C-alpha atoms as a PDB file:
ATOM      1  CA  MET A   1     -31.237 -55.966 -15.791  1.00  0.00           C
ATOM      2  CA  LEU A   2     -28.850 -53.430 -14.281  1.00  0.00           C
ATOM      3  CA  TRP A   3     -28.038 -52.137 -17.757  1.00  0.00           C
ATOM      4  CA  PHE A   4     -31.718 -51.549 -18.488  1.00  0.00           C
ATOM      5  CA  SER A   5     -32.283 -49.808 -15.139  1.00  0.00           C
ATOM      6  CA  ARG A   6     -29.405 -47.417 -15.827  1.00  0.00           C
ATOM      7  CA  ARG A   7     -30.818 -46.526 -19.243  1.00  0.00           C
ATOM      8  CA  LYS A   8     -34.277 -45.994 -17.777  1.00  0.00           C
ATOM      9  CA  MET A   9     -32.836 -43.718 -15.073  1.00  0.00           C
ATOM     10  CA  GLU A  10     -30.884 -41.749 -17.672  1.00  0.00           C
ATOM     11  CA  LEU A  11     -34.039 -41.230 -19.771  1.00  0.00           C
ATOM     12  CA  GLU A  12     -35.928 -40.102 -16.675  1.00  0.00           C
ATOM     13  CA  MET A  13     -33.169 -37.628 -15.801  1.00  0.00           C
ATOM     14  CA  LEU A  14     -33.174 -36.249 -19.353  1.00  0.00           C
ATOM     15  CA  ALA A  15     -36.949 -35.798 -19.187  1.00  0.00           C
ATOM     16  CA  LEU A  16     -36.672 -33.988 -15.855  1.00  0.00           C
ATOM     17  CA  GLU A  17     -33.940 -31.723 -17.173  1.00  0.00           C
ATOM     18  CA  LYS A  18     -36.060 -30.875 -20.209  1.00  0.00           C
ATOM     19  CA  MET A  19     -39.067 -30.084 -17.994  1.00  0.00           C
ATOM     20  CA  LYS A  20     -36.871 -27.926 -15.744  1.00  0.00           C
ATOM     21  CA  ILE A  21     -35.661 -25.891 -18.717  1.00  0.00           C
ATOM     22  CA  PHE A  22     -39.212 -25.397 -20.024  1.00  0.00           C
ATOM     23  CA  ALA A  23     -40.408 -24.368 -16.553  1.00  0.00           C
ATOM     24  CA  GLN A  24     -37.580 -21.856 -16.140  1.00  0.00           C
ATOM     25  CA  ARG A  25     -38.197 -20.402 -19.575  1.00  0.00           C
ATOM     26  CA  SER A  26     -41.942 -20.140 -19.032  1.00  0.00           C
ATOM     27  CA  LEU A  27     -41.458 -18.395 -15.679  1.00  0.00           C
ATOM     28  CA  GLU A  28     -39.172 -15.923 -17.402  1.00  0.00           C
ATOM     29  CA  ASN A  29     -41.646 -15.608 -20.312  1.00  0.00           C
ATOM     30  CA  GLU A  30     -38.895 -16.558 -22.732  1.00  0.00           C
ATOM     31  CA  TRP A  31     -39.506 -18.442 -25.943  1.00  0.00           C
ATOM     32  CA  LEU A  32     -37.523 -21.677 -26.292  1.00  0.00           C
ATOM     33  CA  PRO A  33     -36.190 -21.831 -29.838  1.00  0.00           C
ATOM     34  CA  GLU A  34     -35.841 -25.170 -31.614  1.00  0.00           C
ATOM     35  CA  SER A  35     -32.143 -24.431 -32.001  1.00  0.00           C
ATOM     36  CA  ASP A  36     -31.556 -24.112 -28.239  1.00  0.00           C
ATOM     37  CA  THR A  37     -28.283 -25.945 -27.619  1.00  0.00           C
ATOM     38  CA  ILE A  38     -29.245 -27.554 -24.318  1.00  0.00           C
ATOM     39  CA  ARG A  39     -32.569 -28.761 -25.712  1.00  0.00           C
ATOM     40  CA  GLN A  40     -30.847 -30.207 -28.767  1.00  0.00           C
ATOM     41  CA  ASP A  41     -28.271 -31.996 -26.586  1.00  0.00           C
ATOM     42  CA  ILE A  42     -31.022 -33.532 -24.458  1.00  0.00           C
ATOM     43  CA  LEU A  43     -32.926 -34.745 -27.529  1.00  0.00           C
ATOM     44  CA  ARG A  44     -29.748 -36.089 -29.143  1.00  0.00           C
ATOM     45  CA  ARG A  45     -28.820 -38.064 -26.025  1.00  0.00           C
ATOM     46  CA  LYS A  46     -32.382 -39.377 -25.691  1.00  0.00           C
ATOM     47  CA  ARG A  47     -32.229 -40.678 -29.260  1.00  0.00           C
ATOM     48  CA  GLU A  48     -28.834 -42.296 -28.584  1.00  0.00           C
ATOM     49  CA  VAL A  49     -30.117 -44.069 -25.468  1.00  0.00           C
ATOM     50  CA  MET A  50     -33.238 -45.248 -27.271  1.00  0.00           C
ATOM     51  CA  MET A  51     -31.114 -46.640 -30.116  1.00  0.00           C
ATOM     52  CA  GLU A  52     -28.922 -48.479 -27.571  1.00  0.00           C
ATOM     53  CA  VAL A  53     -32.034 -49.958 -25.969  1.00  0.00           C
ATOM     54  CA  GLU A  54     -33.399 -50.967 -29.380  1.00  0.00           C
ATOM     55  CA  LEU A  55     -30.164 -52.753 -30.294  1.00  0.00           C
ATOM     56  CA  ARG A  56     -30.006 -54.510 -26.936  1.00  0.00           C
ATOM     57  CA  MET A  57     -33.631 -55.620 -27.160  1.00  0.00           C
ATOM     58  CA  ASN A  58     -33.051 -56.943 -30.682  1.00  0.00           C
ATOM     59  CA  GLU A  59     -30.035 -58.915 -29.450  1.00  0.00           C
ATOM     60  CA  GLU A  60     -32.077 -60.399 -26.601  1.00  0.00           C
ATOM     61  CA  GLY A  61     -35.001 -61.277 -28.900  1.00  0.00           C
ATOM     62  CA  PHE A  62     -37.697 -58.930 -27.585  1.00  0.00           C
ATOM     63  CA  ALA A  63     -40.561 -57.989 -29.904  1.00  0.00           C
ATOM     64  CA  PHE A  64     -41.510 -54.345 -30.381  1.00  0.00           C
ATOM     65  CA  ARG A  65     -42.873 -52.101 -33.111  1.00  0.00           C
ATOM     66  CA  ASP A  66     -40.729 -48.968 -32.957  1.00  0.00           C
ATOM     67  CA  LEU A  67     -38.800 -46.639 -30.639  1.00  0.00           C
ATOM     68  CA  ILE A  68     -42.021 -45.117 -29.305  1.00  0.00           C
ATOM     69  CA  ASP A  69     -43.215 -48.603 -28.342  1.00  0.00           C
ATOM     70  CA  ILE A  70     -39.924 -49.185 -26.526  1.00  0.00           C
ATOM     71  CA  GLN A  71     -40.221 -45.857 -24.725  1.00  0.00           C
ATOM     72  CA  HIS A  72     -43.742 -46.723 -23.541  1.00  0.00           C
ATOM     73  CA  ARG A  73     -42.543 -50.102 -22.281  1.00  0.00           C
ATOM     74  CA  ILE A  74     -39.634 -48.501 -20.424  1.00  0.00           C
ATOM     75  CA  PHE A  75     -41.873 -46.114 -18.528  1.00  0.00           C
ATOM     76  CA  LEU A  76     -44.599 -48.624 -17.584  1.00  0.00           C
END
């Protein structure tokens, strides 16, 4: 359970960081390109964490449809 809580907290922190970047950019009226390095790093790490969660859930025998389903279950 501790493992899952750490992954959930990491995903929440990544989401907050992403929102912070978007807020800063919108206040500065700057466009956030798709190739923005920080944004890409956040998305890459989010995918990695979700894949770790998927593997762990498969090992423990949980049923789910896809990564989006897992993400919704994490944030319930």
